Amino acid sequence: MKKHDRISAFVETLEGSDSTGFHPCYAGYFECFNQGDYYEAHDVLEHLWLECRDENHLYFKGLIQIAGAFVHLKKQHLRPDHPTDGTRLHPAARLFALGVKNVSPFGPTHMGLHIEAVCELCTDWRDKIVTSEFRINPWHPGAGPRLDLQKREA
């Protein structure tokens, strides 16, 4: 099954099951992210981002970059001595910075998300990596952050 078809099938499972009132791909991003399924969060929101033609294009891009940063941290944690996965702290730090750059203009809140809190979270994670001189990965299973999506107001 192709990636697009796999994500479309997953999105169908989300439709009608979400109580936030947002697009299933958007709500699905937070569901996946909060379960530590960062790659899936990235894929689900990318599904919406690729079709986005409004001002939310950069917002979605920033959230995808934030999930991507955590993909790097998770992979580096799982295989720290691997030639590729062991060097993922630099790209993670870069993606945190890019994600903040893209979501921060939408603050203080946007589409049910407290943007300032997200930017602070990303900055904190990036700072932990940078101050360790890219030697310590702050991510551990079960210790990943949560992004809380507030219910859409009618």
N, C-alpha and C. Protein backbone atom coordinates (compact mmCIF):
# COMPACT_ATOMS: atom_id res chain seq x y z
N MET A 1 0.85 -1.18 0.00
CA MET A 1 0.00 0.00 0.00
C MET A 1 0.89 1.24 0.00
N LYS A 2 0.57 2.19 -0.86
CA LYS A 2 1.33 3.42 -0.94
C LYS A 2 1.09 4.28 0.30
N LYS A 3 2.08 5.15 0.57
CA LYS A 3 2.01 6.00 1.75
C LYS A 3 0.71 6.82 1.78
N HIS A 4 0.36 7.44 0.66
CA HIS A 4 -0.85 8.26 0.60
C HIS A 4 -2.09 7.44 0.94
N ASP A 5 -2.17 6.23 0.40
CA ASP A 5 -3.31 5.36 0.66
C ASP A 5 -3.34 4.93 2.13
N ARG A 6 -2.17 4.63 2.69
CA ARG A 6 -2.08 4.20 4.09
C ARG A 6 -2.54 5.33 5.02
N ILE A 7 -2.08 6.55 4.73
CA ILE A 7 -2.48 7.70 5.56
C ILE A 7 -3.96 8.00 5.38
N SER A 8 -4.44 7.91 4.15
CA SER A 8 -5.87 8.14 3.91
C SER A 8 -6.72 7.16 4.69
N ALA A 9 -6.31 5.90 4.72
CA ALA A 9 -7.04 4.88 5.48
C ALA A 9 -7.01 5.22 6.97
N PHE A 10 -5.85 5.67 7.47
CA PHE A 10 -5.76 6.04 8.88
C PHE A 10 -6.66 7.23 9.18
N VAL A 11 -6.67 8.22 8.30
CA VAL A 11 -7.50 9.41 8.51
C VAL A 11 -8.98 9.03 8.55
N GLU A 12 -9.38 8.07 7.73
CA GLU A 12 -10.77 7.62 7.75
C GLU A 12 -11.15 7.06 9.12
N THR A 13 -10.21 6.42 9.80
CA THR A 13 -10.50 5.89 11.13
C THR A 13 -10.69 7.02 12.14
N LEU A 14 -10.10 8.18 11.85
CA LEU A 14 -10.20 9.32 12.75
C LEU A 14 -11.50 10.10 12.57
N GLU A 15 -12.05 10.07 11.37
CA GLU A 15 -13.24 10.86 11.07
C GLU A 15 -14.39 10.43 11.96
N GLY A 16 -14.97 11.39 12.62
CA GLY A 16 -16.10 11.15 13.49
C GLY A 16 -15.72 10.71 14.89
N SER A 17 -14.45 10.34 15.11
CA SER A 17 -14.05 9.87 16.43
C SER A 17 -13.43 10.99 17.27
N ASP A 18 -13.24 12.14 16.67
CA ASP A 18 -12.58 13.24 17.36
C ASP A 18 -13.61 14.23 17.88
N SER A 19 -13.40 14.70 19.08
CA SER A 19 -14.35 15.64 19.68
C SER A 19 -13.85 17.08 19.64
N THR A 20 -12.71 17.34 19.00
CA THR A 20 -12.17 18.69 18.99
C THR A 20 -12.86 19.59 17.97
N GLY A 21 -13.44 19.01 16.94
CA GLY A 21 -14.10 19.80 15.90
C GLY A 21 -13.17 20.24 14.80
N PHE A 22 -11.92 19.78 14.81
CA PHE A 22 -10.96 20.13 13.77
C PHE A 22 -10.89 19.03 12.70
N HIS A 23 -10.24 19.35 11.61
CA HIS A 23 -10.03 18.39 10.52
C HIS A 23 -9.38 17.14 11.11
N PRO A 24 -9.79 15.95 10.66
CA PRO A 24 -9.23 14.71 11.21
C PRO A 24 -7.70 14.60 11.09
N CYS A 25 -7.12 15.15 10.05
CA CYS A 25 -5.65 15.11 9.91
C CYS A 25 -4.99 15.98 10.98
N TYR A 26 -5.60 17.10 11.26
CA TYR A 26 -5.04 17.99 12.28
C TYR A 26 -5.17 17.35 13.66
N ALA A 27 -6.35 16.88 13.99
CA ALA A 27 -6.55 16.21 15.28
C ALA A 27 -5.71 14.94 15.37
N GLY A 28 -5.57 14.23 14.26
CA GLY A 28 -4.78 13.01 14.23
C GLY A 28 -3.31 13.27 14.51
N TYR A 29 -2.82 14.42 14.07
CA TYR A 29 -1.44 14.80 14.36
C TYR A 29 -1.18 14.77 15.86
N PHE A 30 -2.07 15.39 16.62
CA PHE A 30 -1.90 15.47 18.07
C PHE A 30 -2.07 14.11 18.73
N GLU A 31 -3.00 13.32 18.21
CA GLU A 31 -3.19 11.97 18.76
C GLU A 31 -1.90 11.15 18.58
N CYS A 32 -1.35 11.17 17.39
CA CYS A 32 -0.11 10.43 17.11
C CYS A 32 1.06 11.00 17.91
N PHE A 33 1.21 12.31 17.89
CA PHE A 33 2.32 12.96 18.58
C PHE A 33 2.33 12.59 20.06
N ASN A 34 1.18 12.68 20.69
CA ASN A 34 1.09 12.44 22.13
C ASN A 34 1.29 10.97 22.50
N GLN A 35 1.20 10.09 21.52
CA GLN A 35 1.49 8.67 21.74
C GLN A 35 2.96 8.35 21.46
N GLY A 36 3.71 9.37 21.03
CA GLY A 36 5.11 9.17 20.70
C GLY A 36 5.32 8.64 19.29
N ASP A 37 4.26 8.67 18.50
CA ASP A 37 4.34 8.23 17.10
C ASP A 37 4.58 9.46 16.22
N TYR A 38 5.79 9.97 16.32
CA TYR A 38 6.12 11.25 15.67
C TYR A 38 6.15 11.15 14.15
N TYR A 39 6.65 10.04 13.64
CA TYR A 39 6.68 9.88 12.18
C TYR A 39 5.26 9.85 11.63
N GLU A 40 4.38 9.15 12.32
CA GLU A 40 2.99 9.08 11.89
C GLU A 40 2.32 10.44 12.02
N ALA A 41 2.64 11.18 13.08
CA ALA A 41 2.09 12.53 13.24
C ALA A 41 2.50 13.40 12.05
N HIS A 42 3.77 13.31 11.69
CA HIS A 42 4.29 14.03 10.53
C HIS A 42 3.51 13.66 9.28
N ASP A 43 3.33 12.37 9.04
CA ASP A 43 2.64 11.90 7.84
C ASP A 43 1.19 12.34 7.78
N VAL A 44 0.49 12.25 8.91
CA VAL A 44 -0.92 12.61 8.94
C VAL A 44 -1.11 14.09 8.64
N LEU A 45 -0.30 14.94 9.25
CA LEU A 45 -0.46 16.38 9.00
C LEU A 45 0.04 16.75 7.61
N GLU A 46 1.05 16.06 7.13
CA GLU A 46 1.54 16.31 5.77
C GLU A 46 0.42 16.09 4.76
N HIS A 47 -0.43 15.13 5.03
CA HIS A 47 -1.58 14.83 4.18
C HIS A 47 -2.45 16.08 4.01
N LEU A 48 -2.66 16.82 5.09
CA LEU A 48 -3.44 18.06 5.05
C LEU A 48 -2.61 19.21 4.50
N TRP A 49 -1.36 19.31 4.91
CA TRP A 49 -0.47 20.41 4.49
C TRP A 49 -0.32 20.46 2.97
N LEU A 50 -0.21 19.30 2.32
CA LEU A 50 -0.03 19.27 0.88
C LEU A 50 -1.22 19.83 0.13
N GLU A 51 -2.38 19.81 0.76
CA GLU A 51 -3.59 20.35 0.13
C GLU A 51 -3.92 21.77 0.59
N CYS A 52 -3.17 22.28 1.56
CA CYS A 52 -3.45 23.57 2.16
C CYS A 52 -3.06 24.71 1.20
N ARG A 53 -3.98 25.62 0.99
CA ARG A 53 -3.73 26.77 0.11
C ARG A 53 -3.97 28.10 0.82
N ASP A 54 -4.03 28.06 2.14
CA ASP A 54 -4.29 29.30 2.88
C ASP A 54 -3.13 29.63 3.81
N GLU A 55 -3.37 30.56 4.73
CA GLU A 55 -2.32 31.03 5.63
C GLU A 55 -1.81 29.94 6.58
N ASN A 56 -2.54 28.86 6.72
CA ASN A 56 -2.11 27.78 7.62
C ASN A 56 -0.99 26.91 7.04
N HIS A 57 -0.63 27.15 5.81
CA HIS A 57 0.43 26.36 5.16
C HIS A 57 1.71 26.36 5.99
N LEU A 58 2.17 27.54 6.42
CA LEU A 58 3.39 27.62 7.24
C LEU A 58 3.18 27.07 8.64
N TYR A 59 2.00 27.24 9.17
CA TYR A 59 1.67 26.70 10.49
C TYR A 59 1.79 25.17 10.49
N PHE A 60 1.16 24.54 9.51
CA PHE A 60 1.24 23.09 9.39
C PHE A 60 2.68 22.64 9.15
N LYS A 61 3.39 23.38 8.33
CA LYS A 61 4.80 23.06 8.05
C LYS A 61 5.61 23.06 9.35
N GLY A 62 5.39 24.07 10.19
CA GLY A 62 6.10 24.16 11.46
C GLY A 62 5.79 22.98 12.38
N LEU A 63 4.52 22.58 12.44
CA LEU A 63 4.16 21.43 13.27
C LEU A 63 4.80 20.15 12.73
N ILE A 64 4.87 20.03 11.42
CA ILE A 64 5.51 18.87 10.80
C ILE A 64 7.00 18.87 11.15
N GLN A 65 7.62 20.03 11.13
CA GLN A 65 9.04 20.12 11.49
C GLN A 65 9.27 19.74 12.95
N ILE A 66 8.36 20.13 13.82
CA ILE A 66 8.49 19.79 15.24
C ILE A 66 8.39 18.27 15.41
N ALA A 67 7.42 17.66 14.75
CA ALA A 67 7.32 16.19 14.81
C ALA A 67 8.59 15.57 14.24
N GLY A 68 9.11 16.14 13.16
CA GLY A 68 10.34 15.63 12.56
C GLY A 68 11.52 15.69 13.51
N ALA A 69 11.59 16.73 14.31
CA ALA A 69 12.66 16.84 15.30
C ALA A 69 12.59 15.67 16.27
N PHE A 70 11.38 15.33 16.69
CA PHE A 70 11.23 14.22 17.62
C PHE A 70 11.46 12.87 16.94
N VAL A 71 11.21 12.78 15.65
CA VAL A 71 11.56 11.57 14.90
C VAL A 71 13.07 11.35 15.02
N HIS A 72 13.84 12.42 14.80
CA HIS A 72 15.30 12.32 14.90
C HIS A 72 15.73 11.89 16.30
N LEU A 73 15.14 12.49 17.32
CA LEU A 73 15.52 12.15 18.69
C LEU A 73 15.19 10.70 19.02
N LYS A 74 14.02 10.26 18.59
CA LYS A 74 13.60 8.89 18.86
C LYS A 74 14.53 7.89 18.16
N LYS A 75 14.85 8.16 16.90
CA LYS A 75 15.74 7.26 16.16
C LYS A 75 17.14 7.25 16.76
N GLN A 76 17.62 8.42 17.17
CA GLN A 76 18.95 8.49 17.77
C GLN A 76 18.99 7.73 19.09
N HIS A 77 17.91 7.81 19.84
CA HIS A 77 17.84 7.08 21.12
C HIS A 77 17.86 5.57 20.89
N LEU A 78 17.14 5.12 19.87
CA LEU A 78 17.05 3.69 19.60
C LEU A 78 18.35 3.09 19.08
N ARG A 79 19.11 3.89 18.31
CA ARG A 79 20.35 3.38 17.72
C ARG A 79 21.45 4.44 17.80
N PRO A 80 21.93 4.75 19.01
CA PRO A 80 22.90 5.84 19.18
C PRO A 80 24.26 5.60 18.52
N ASP A 81 24.60 4.35 18.27
CA ASP A 81 25.89 4.06 17.65
C ASP A 81 25.80 3.80 16.15
N HIS A 82 24.61 3.89 15.61
CA HIS A 82 24.41 3.69 14.17
C HIS A 82 25.03 4.86 13.41
N PRO A 83 25.67 4.60 12.26
CA PRO A 83 26.34 5.69 11.52
C PRO A 83 25.41 6.85 11.13
N THR A 84 24.16 6.55 10.84
CA THR A 84 23.22 7.62 10.47
C THR A 84 22.39 8.07 11.67
N ASP A 85 21.75 7.13 12.33
CA ASP A 85 20.86 7.48 13.43
C ASP A 85 21.60 8.10 14.61
N GLY A 86 22.86 7.75 14.78
CA GLY A 86 23.65 8.29 15.88
C GLY A 86 23.99 9.77 15.72
N THR A 87 23.79 10.32 14.52
CA THR A 87 24.13 11.72 14.26
C THR A 87 22.90 12.60 14.08
N ARG A 88 21.81 12.25 14.67
CA ARG A 88 20.55 12.95 14.43
C ARG A 88 20.28 14.14 15.37
N LEU A 89 21.17 14.43 16.30
CA LEU A 89 20.91 15.54 17.22
C LEU A 89 21.02 16.90 16.54
N HIS A 90 21.95 17.06 15.62
CA HIS A 90 22.06 18.33 14.88
C HIS A 90 20.80 18.61 14.06
N PRO A 91 20.33 17.63 13.24
CA PRO A 91 19.10 17.91 12.49
C PRO A 91 17.89 18.13 13.40
N ALA A 92 17.85 17.46 14.54
CA ALA A 92 16.73 17.68 15.46
C ALA A 92 16.72 19.13 15.95
N ALA A 93 17.88 19.62 16.37
CA ALA A 93 17.98 20.99 16.85
C ALA A 93 17.58 21.98 15.75
N ARG A 94 18.02 21.71 14.54
CA ARG A 94 17.68 22.58 13.40
C ARG A 94 16.17 22.59 13.15
N LEU A 95 15.54 21.41 13.21
CA LEU A 95 14.10 21.34 12.98
C LEU A 95 13.30 22.01 14.10
N PHE A 96 13.78 21.92 15.34
CA PHE A 96 13.11 22.65 16.41
C PHE A 96 13.11 24.15 16.10
N ALA A 97 14.25 24.68 15.67
CA ALA A 97 14.35 26.12 15.35
C ALA A 97 13.44 26.48 14.18
N LEU A 98 13.42 25.66 13.15
CA LEU A 98 12.56 25.93 11.99
C LEU A 98 11.08 25.85 12.37
N GLY A 99 10.74 24.87 13.19
CA GLY A 99 9.35 24.73 13.63
C GLY A 99 8.88 25.95 14.40
N VAL A 100 9.73 26.43 15.30
CA VAL A 100 9.39 27.64 16.07
C VAL A 100 9.23 28.83 15.13
N LYS A 101 10.14 28.96 14.20
CA LYS A 101 10.07 30.07 13.23
C LYS A 101 8.74 30.07 12.47
N ASN A 102 8.26 28.89 12.12
CA ASN A 102 7.04 28.80 11.32
C ASN A 102 5.75 28.88 12.11
N VAL A 103 5.74 28.43 13.37
CA VAL A 103 4.49 28.49 14.13
C VAL A 103 4.36 29.77 14.96
N SER A 104 5.48 30.38 15.33
CA SER A 104 5.41 31.54 16.24
C SER A 104 4.57 32.71 15.73
N PRO A 105 4.54 33.00 14.42
CA PRO A 105 3.69 34.12 13.98
C PRO A 105 2.19 33.90 14.22
N PHE A 106 1.81 32.68 14.52
CA PHE A 106 0.40 32.36 14.71
C PHE A 106 -0.05 32.49 16.17
N GLY A 107 0.87 32.86 17.06
CA GLY A 107 0.57 32.94 18.48
C GLY A 107 -0.28 34.13 18.84
N PRO A 108 -0.75 34.22 20.04
CA PRO A 108 -0.44 33.32 21.16
C PRO A 108 -1.17 31.98 21.09
N THR A 109 -2.35 31.94 20.46
CA THR A 109 -3.03 30.66 20.24
C THR A 109 -3.52 30.61 18.81
N HIS A 110 -3.61 29.38 18.30
CA HIS A 110 -4.09 29.21 16.92
C HIS A 110 -4.65 27.80 16.80
N MET A 111 -5.83 27.71 16.23
CA MET A 111 -6.48 26.42 15.98
C MET A 111 -6.42 25.50 17.20
N GLY A 112 -6.73 26.05 18.36
CA GLY A 112 -6.80 25.26 19.57
C GLY A 112 -5.47 24.93 20.22
N LEU A 113 -4.39 25.50 19.73
CA LEU A 113 -3.06 25.19 20.25
C LEU A 113 -2.44 26.45 20.85
N HIS A 114 -1.87 26.32 22.04
CA HIS A 114 -1.20 27.42 22.71
C HIS A 114 0.21 27.53 22.11
N ILE A 115 0.36 28.43 21.16
CA ILE A 115 1.59 28.55 20.38
C ILE A 115 2.78 28.92 21.25
N GLU A 116 2.59 29.81 22.17
CA GLU A 116 3.71 30.22 23.02
C GLU A 116 4.26 29.03 23.80
N ALA A 117 3.38 28.16 24.28
CA ALA A 117 3.83 26.97 25.02
C ALA A 117 4.59 26.02 24.10
N VAL A 118 4.14 25.87 22.87
CA VAL A 118 4.82 25.00 21.91
C VAL A 118 6.21 25.55 21.60
N CYS A 119 6.30 26.85 21.39
CA CYS A 119 7.60 27.47 21.10
C CYS A 119 8.54 27.32 22.29
N GLU A 120 8.04 27.49 23.48
CA GLU A 120 8.86 27.32 24.68
C GLU A 120 9.34 25.87 24.81
N LEU A 121 8.45 24.94 24.56
CA LEU A 121 8.80 23.52 24.62
C LEU A 121 9.93 23.21 23.63
N CYS A 122 9.77 23.66 22.40
CA CYS A 122 10.78 23.39 21.37
C CYS A 122 12.11 24.05 21.70
N THR A 123 12.06 25.27 22.19
CA THR A 123 13.28 25.98 22.57
C THR A 123 13.99 25.26 23.71
N ASP A 124 13.22 24.77 24.68
CA ASP A 124 13.82 24.03 25.80
C ASP A 124 14.50 22.75 25.32
N TRP A 125 13.83 22.00 24.46
CA TRP A 125 14.42 20.76 23.95
C TRP A 125 15.66 21.05 23.13
N ARG A 126 15.58 22.09 22.29
CA ARG A 126 16.75 22.46 21.47
C ARG A 126 17.91 22.89 22.37
N ASP A 127 17.62 23.68 23.39
CA ASP A 127 18.67 24.15 24.30
C ASP A 127 19.35 23.00 25.03
N LYS A 128 18.57 21.99 25.42
CA LYS A 128 19.16 20.83 26.08
C LYS A 128 20.17 20.13 25.17
N ILE A 129 19.83 20.04 23.90
CA ILE A 129 20.73 19.39 22.94
C ILE A 129 21.98 20.25 22.72
N VAL A 130 21.77 21.53 22.49
CA VAL A 130 22.89 22.43 22.19
C VAL A 130 23.83 22.58 23.39
N THR A 131 23.27 22.75 24.58
CA THR A 131 24.15 22.93 25.76
C THR A 131 24.94 21.67 26.09
N SER A 132 24.46 20.52 25.63
CA SER A 132 25.23 19.28 25.82
C SER A 132 26.27 19.11 24.71
N GLU A 133 26.38 20.13 23.87
CA GLU A 133 27.27 20.09 22.71
C GLU A 133 26.94 18.90 21.81
N PHE A 134 25.64 18.66 21.65
CA PHE A 134 25.11 17.63 20.77
C PHE A 134 25.57 16.22 21.17
N ARG A 135 25.75 16.01 22.47
CA ARG A 135 26.16 14.70 22.97
C ARG A 135 25.07 13.98 23.73
N ILE A 136 24.07 14.73 24.24
CA ILE A 136 23.03 14.12 25.07
C ILE A 136 21.66 14.32 24.42
N ASN A 137 20.99 13.20 24.24
CA ASN A 137 19.63 13.21 23.71
C ASN A 137 18.67 13.27 24.90
N PRO A 138 17.88 14.33 25.01
CA PRO A 138 16.97 14.44 26.15
C PRO A 138 15.72 13.57 26.04
N TRP A 139 15.50 12.96 24.88
CA TRP A 139 14.29 12.16 24.69
C TRP A 139 14.50 10.73 25.19
N HIS A 140 13.50 10.21 25.91
CA HIS A 140 13.48 8.82 26.36
C HIS A 140 12.05 8.30 26.21
N PRO A 141 11.89 7.02 25.97
CA PRO A 141 10.52 6.47 25.86
C PRO A 141 9.70 6.81 27.10
N GLY A 142 8.50 7.25 26.87
CA GLY A 142 7.61 7.59 27.97
C GLY A 142 7.84 8.98 28.54
N ALA A 143 8.89 9.66 28.08
CA ALA A 143 9.20 10.99 28.60
C ALA A 143 9.02 12.07 27.53
N GLY A 144 8.37 11.72 26.44
CA GLY A 144 8.15 12.70 25.38
C GLY A 144 7.09 13.70 25.79
N PRO A 145 7.09 14.86 25.16
CA PRO A 145 6.13 15.91 25.51
C PRO A 145 4.75 15.62 24.97
N ARG A 146 3.80 16.37 25.47
CA ARG A 146 2.43 16.35 24.96
C ARG A 146 2.12 17.72 24.37
N LEU A 147 1.36 17.70 23.33
CA LEU A 147 0.82 18.93 22.76
C LEU A 147 -0.69 18.85 22.93
N ASP A 148 -1.23 19.74 23.76
CA ASP A 148 -2.65 19.68 24.08
C ASP A 148 -3.44 20.58 23.14
N LEU A 149 -4.35 19.97 22.43
CA LEU A 149 -5.24 20.66 21.50
C LEU A 149 -6.55 20.95 22.22
N GLN A 150 -6.93 22.22 22.24
CA GLN A 150 -8.20 22.61 22.87
C GLN A 150 -9.32 22.43 21.88
N LYS A 151 -10.47 22.13 22.40
CA LYS A 151 -11.66 21.93 21.59
C LYS A 151 -12.00 23.20 20.82
N ARG A 152 -12.39 23.03 19.57
CA ARG A 152 -12.76 24.17 18.73
C ARG A 152 -14.06 24.78 19.25
N GLU A 153 -14.06 26.10 19.33
CA GLU A 153 -15.27 26.79 19.79
C GLU A 153 -16.23 26.95 18.64
N ALA A 154 -17.49 26.75 18.92
CA ALA A 154 -18.54 26.82 17.88
C ALA A 154 -18.81 28.21 17.44
